[in-house]
Amino acid sequence: MASQLFSTAFFLMCVTFSHAQLTEQKSHIQLVSGEKMEGDLVVYSPQILEYPVFLVDGVEFETSNIAYIQNRNGYFANLDHLYQNSPERYALRIRKGRMNLFEEIDMDIYGGETLYTTGDVEIDSELLASGLTFQYYSIANDRVRKATYGNMKMDLAACAGSMDFLRDYRKYQLLQVGLIAGGAGLITQNVISMTGGPVQFNPIMALGLIVGGSSYFLEKAKSDALWLAADEYNKFEEPAVVQVP
């Protein structure tokens, strides 16, 4: 059932993403203050020996003052407030809604007038957004946050459907921790039992590796749960506030 729901949600995401890319506003940057600077052309300039900037029709704006960027290649969030020790990280909006979803990308690829290519060599697909995963989100026009269980649990609390999927995510997460701990425990206990003699690989160690390694297969289930939680929130309507006379 969850698999069918995720397939439907992913299809809707693809449609929404494609529509959003075709109906975006004029190129602009949005400053941290909220002010917008529009132009015909917004281009990223790393300027290795100086402060990196975005050029809006040739006018420079330091990236540290910018929250969001809209250019001809998409709509992007500046992540510097999340990674102050690792600036110049950006994410592309892959889904537009009450809850906007973002996937981290390389701005050197997306920041030009067109997608960056070297000669006739095609862009490495690994450097492009897949649209299959998101690491960040924003509610309305707030600054982006990391898509963690703790953040989403707080921001999506008003939507019961989202909370159901987040509880599923938490179950998978705890099961994952249990499998890793169980596998490590089997291996450690087996090694201790060999104290005083040579440590040899044996079936108990193999079992420990299998148990711990099986936690990897829960990654997709966790990812699906986050997508479905976001989808529920984007369908959710806040109850109307009744004015008491």
Protein backbone atom coordinates (compact mmCIF):
# COMPACT_ATOMS: atom_id res chain seq x y z
CA MET A 1 0.00 0.00 0.00
CA ALA A 2 2.81 2.41 0.98
CA SER A 3 4.62 1.53 -2.24
CA GLN A 4 1.55 2.40 -4.34
CA LEU A 5 1.07 5.66 -2.48
CA PHE A 6 4.70 6.59 -3.05
CA SER A 7 4.47 5.83 -6.77
CA THR A 8 1.46 8.14 -7.04
CA ALA A 9 3.18 10.84 -5.01
CA PHE A 10 6.34 10.61 -7.11
CA PHE A 11 4.33 10.91 -10.35
CA LEU A 12 2.61 14.03 -9.03
CA MET A 13 6.00 15.41 -7.99
CA CYS A 14 7.36 15.00 -11.52
CA VAL A 15 4.35 16.81 -13.00
CA THR A 16 4.60 19.61 -10.44
CA PHE A 17 8.36 19.96 -10.95
CA SER A 18 8.03 20.18 -14.73
CA HIS A 19 5.20 22.72 -14.50
CA ALA A 20 7.11 24.84 -11.99
CA GLN A 21 10.13 25.05 -14.27
CA LEU A 22 7.96 26.32 -17.15
CA THR A 23 5.98 28.90 -15.19
CA GLU A 24 8.61 30.57 -13.02
CA GLN A 25 8.88 34.28 -12.36
CA LYS A 26 11.37 36.61 -13.96
CA SER A 27 15.02 35.98 -13.03
CA HIS A 28 15.83 37.50 -9.66
CA ILE A 29 17.62 37.12 -6.37
CA GLN A 30 15.96 37.42 -2.98
CA LEU A 31 18.13 38.93 -0.28
CA VAL A 32 18.16 37.66 3.29
CA SER A 33 16.25 40.85 4.16
CA GLY A 34 13.41 39.73 1.86
CA GLU A 35 14.07 42.33 -0.83
CA LYS A 36 14.00 41.11 -4.45
CA MET A 37 16.33 42.25 -7.24
CA GLU A 38 14.98 41.38 -10.67
CA GLY A 39 16.80 41.30 -13.99
CA ASP A 40 16.92 39.68 -17.39
CA LEU A 41 20.02 37.66 -16.49
CA VAL A 42 21.19 36.26 -13.15
CA VAL A 43 24.62 34.60 -13.26
CA TYR A 44 26.83 33.04 -10.57
CA SER A 45 30.48 34.15 -10.40
CA PRO A 46 32.68 32.19 -7.94
CA GLN A 47 35.58 34.72 -8.11
CA ILE A 48 38.10 32.43 -6.40
CA LEU A 49 40.34 35.26 -5.18
CA GLU A 50 37.45 37.46 -4.01
CA TYR A 51 34.02 37.10 -2.49
CA PRO A 52 31.72 35.00 -4.73
CA VAL A 53 28.82 36.97 -6.19
CA PHE A 54 25.68 36.73 -8.26
CA LEU A 55 25.40 39.21 -11.11
CA VAL A 56 21.94 40.65 -11.79
CA ASP A 57 22.23 42.30 -15.20
CA GLY A 58 25.88 42.96 -14.36
CA VAL A 59 25.32 44.33 -10.84
CA GLU A 60 27.19 42.35 -8.16
CA PHE A 61 25.60 40.96 -4.99
CA GLU A 62 27.67 38.98 -2.50
CA THR A 63 26.30 35.48 -2.05
CA SER A 64 26.36 35.79 1.74
CA ASN A 65 23.52 38.34 1.50
CA ILE A 66 21.32 36.16 -0.74
CA ALA A 67 18.66 33.67 0.38
CA TYR A 68 17.14 32.54 -2.94
CA ILE A 69 18.05 32.72 -6.62
CA GLN A 70 15.87 32.37 -9.71
CA ASN A 71 17.77 32.06 -12.99
CA ARG A 72 17.09 30.43 -16.34
CA ASN A 73 17.97 27.00 -14.96
CA GLY A 74 15.69 26.90 -11.93
CA TYR A 75 15.00 28.21 -8.45
CA PHE A 76 17.72 27.75 -5.83
CA ALA A 77 18.28 28.17 -2.10
CA ASN A 78 21.53 29.39 -0.62
CA LEU A 79 22.55 26.98 2.18
CA ASP A 80 25.21 29.14 3.81
CA HIS A 81 23.12 29.64 6.96
CA LEU A 82 23.15 25.85 7.45
CA TYR A 83 26.86 25.36 6.67
CA GLN A 84 28.70 28.45 7.88
CA ASN A 85 32.04 26.61 7.83
CA SER A 86 31.40 25.33 4.30
CA PRO A 87 29.94 28.18 2.23
CA GLU A 88 28.86 28.12 -1.40
CA ARG A 89 26.43 25.24 -1.12
CA TYR A 90 23.12 25.46 -2.96
CA ALA A 91 19.99 23.40 -3.53
CA LEU A 92 17.57 23.30 -6.46
CA ARG A 93 13.84 23.38 -5.77
CA ILE A 94 12.46 20.14 -7.20
CA ARG A 95 8.94 20.57 -5.88
CA LYS A 96 6.87 23.69 -5.35
CA GLY A 97 4.04 23.87 -2.84
CA ARG A 98 3.19 24.87 0.70
CA MET A 99 6.26 22.80 1.50
CA ASN A 100 8.99 23.38 -1.07
CA LEU A 101 11.49 20.54 -1.51
CA PHE A 102 15.13 21.07 -2.47
CA GLU A 103 17.95 18.83 -3.71
CA GLU A 104 21.58 19.90 -3.30
CA ILE A 105 23.41 20.70 -6.54
CA ASP A 106 26.67 22.20 -7.84
CA MET A 107 26.08 25.88 -8.61
CA ASP A 108 29.04 25.87 -11.01
CA ILE A 109 26.81 23.68 -13.21
CA TYR A 110 23.54 25.58 -12.76
CA GLY A 111 24.73 29.14 -12.18
CA GLY A 112 25.45 30.23 -15.75
CA GLU A 113 23.28 31.59 -18.50
CA THR A 114 22.78 27.97 -19.56
CA LEU A 115 23.74 24.67 -17.94
CA TYR A 116 27.53 24.44 -17.91
CA THR A 117 29.24 22.25 -20.50
CA THR A 118 32.84 21.94 -21.64
CA GLY A 119 32.93 21.89 -25.42
CA ASP A 120 30.75 19.10 -26.77
CA VAL A 121 31.13 16.96 -23.66
CA GLU A 122 27.78 16.26 -22.01
CA ILE A 123 27.29 17.10 -18.35
CA ASP A 124 28.02 14.23 -15.97
CA SER A 125 24.57 13.08 -14.83
CA GLU A 126 25.87 12.73 -11.26
CA LEU A 127 26.28 16.52 -11.13
CA LEU A 128 22.63 17.13 -12.05
CA ALA A 129 19.62 16.97 -9.76
CA SER A 130 17.85 13.62 -9.93
CA GLY A 131 14.50 14.82 -8.58
CA LEU A 132 14.38 11.56 -6.61
CA THR A 133 15.64 12.80 -3.26
CA PHE A 134 15.49 15.94 -1.16
CA GLN A 135 17.73 17.01 1.69
CA TYR A 136 16.11 20.38 2.46
CA TYR A 137 12.71 22.04 2.55
CA SER A 138 11.07 25.37 3.24
CA ILE A 139 7.60 26.23 4.45
CA ALA A 140 6.13 29.07 2.38
CA ASN A 141 8.96 31.56 1.83
CA ASP A 142 10.96 30.89 5.00
CA ARG A 143 14.62 29.94 4.67
CA VAL A 144 15.34 26.29 3.98
CA ARG A 145 15.87 23.74 6.73
CA LYS A 146 17.48 20.31 6.70
CA ALA A 147 14.95 17.53 6.04
CA THR A 148 15.50 15.75 9.34
CA TYR A 149 12.95 13.89 11.41
CA GLY A 150 13.21 16.48 14.21
CA ASN A 151 12.67 19.50 11.94
CA MET A 152 9.80 17.96 9.98
CA LYS A 153 8.11 16.68 13.13
CA MET A 154 8.04 20.25 14.42
CA ASP A 155 7.01 22.00 11.18
CA LEU A 156 4.41 19.46 10.01
CA ALA A 157 2.81 18.88 13.41
CA ALA A 158 -0.55 20.35 12.36
CA CYS A 159 -1.03 17.70 9.65
CA ALA A 160 -2.04 14.31 11.08
CA GLY A 161 -1.35 12.49 7.80
CA SER A 162 2.22 13.79 7.69
CA MET A 163 2.77 12.77 11.30
CA ASP A 164 1.67 9.20 10.52
CA PHE A 165 4.37 8.89 7.84
CA LEU A 166 6.94 10.53 10.10
CA ARG A 167 6.18 7.92 12.75
CA ASP A 168 6.85 5.27 10.10
CA TYR A 169 10.16 6.97 9.35
CA ARG A 170 11.06 6.90 13.05
CA LYS A 171 10.25 3.18 13.26
CA TYR A 172 12.52 2.43 10.30
CA GLN A 173 15.23 4.61 11.80
CA LEU A 174 15.12 2.83 15.17
CA LEU A 175 15.03 -0.58 13.48
CA GLN A 176 18.08 0.44 11.46
CA VAL A 177 19.96 1.38 14.63
CA GLY A 178 18.94 -1.91 16.23
CA LEU A 179 20.22 -3.96 13.30
CA ILE A 180 23.56 -2.13 13.23
CA ALA A 181 23.98 -2.51 16.99
CA GLY A 182 22.95 -6.17 16.85
CA GLY A 183 25.40 -6.95 14.06
CA ALA A 184 28.23 -5.12 15.81
CA GLY A 185 27.39 -6.92 19.06
CA LEU A 186 27.62 -10.35 17.44
CA ILE A 187 30.99 -9.56 15.91
CA THR A 188 32.38 -7.99 19.11
CA GLN A 189 31.23 -10.85 21.32
CA ASN A 190 32.73 -13.38 18.93
CA VAL A 191 36.08 -11.56 18.83
CA ILE A 192 36.18 -11.36 22.65
CA SER A 193 35.57 -15.11 22.85
CA MET A 194 38.77 -15.63 20.83
CA THR A 195 40.93 -13.68 23.30
CA GLY A 196 44.27 -15.39 23.70
CA GLY A 197 44.11 -17.04 20.30
CA PRO A 198 44.09 -16.04 16.63
CA VAL A 199 41.04 -14.14 15.46
CA GLN A 200 39.50 -16.05 12.57
CA PHE A 201 36.52 -15.18 10.42
CA ASN A 202 33.66 -17.57 11.15
CA PRO A 203 29.92 -18.03 10.61
CA ILE A 204 29.03 -15.88 13.67
CA MET A 205 31.01 -12.97 12.24
CA ALA A 206 29.35 -13.50 8.87
CA LEU A 207 25.94 -13.39 10.57
CA GLY A 208 26.91 -10.14 12.31
CA LEU A 209 27.87 -8.59 8.97
CA ILE A 210 24.59 -9.72 7.40
CA VAL A 211 22.49 -8.39 10.28
CA GLY A 212 24.28 -5.03 10.34
CA GLY A 213 24.37 -4.72 6.55
CA SER A 214 20.65 -5.41 6.22
CA SER A 215 20.01 -1.99 7.77
CA TYR A 216 20.93 -0.48 4.39
CA PHE A 217 17.72 -1.82 2.85
CA LEU A 218 15.67 0.42 5.13
CA GLU A 219 17.05 3.57 3.47
CA LYS A 220 14.44 3.47 0.69
CA ALA A 221 11.62 2.95 3.18
CA LYS A 222 12.83 5.98 5.15
CA SER A 223 13.06 8.08 1.98
CA ASP A 224 9.54 7.03 0.93
CA ALA A 225 8.16 7.99 4.34
CA LEU A 226 9.63 11.51 4.07
CA TRP A 227 8.25 12.00 0.54
CA LEU A 228 4.80 10.88 1.66
CA ALA A 229 4.91 13.13 4.73
CA ALA A 230 5.69 16.11 2.47
CA ASP A 231 2.96 15.11 0.01
CA GLU A 232 0.38 14.94 2.79
CA TYR A 233 1.38 18.38 4.04
CA ASN A 234 1.03 19.88 0.57
CA LYS A 235 -2.53 18.52 0.39
CA PHE A 236 -3.35 19.64 3.91
CA GLU A 237 -5.55 22.67 4.54
CA GLU A 238 -5.38 24.50 7.83
CA PRO A 239 -8.72 24.55 9.68
CA ALA A 240 -10.51 27.86 9.35
CA VAL A 241 -10.31 30.09 12.40
CA VAL A 242 -13.76 30.79 13.78
CA GLN A 243 -14.21 34.33 15.02
CA VAL A 244 -16.12 34.46 18.30
CA PRO A 245 -18.48 37.46 18.38
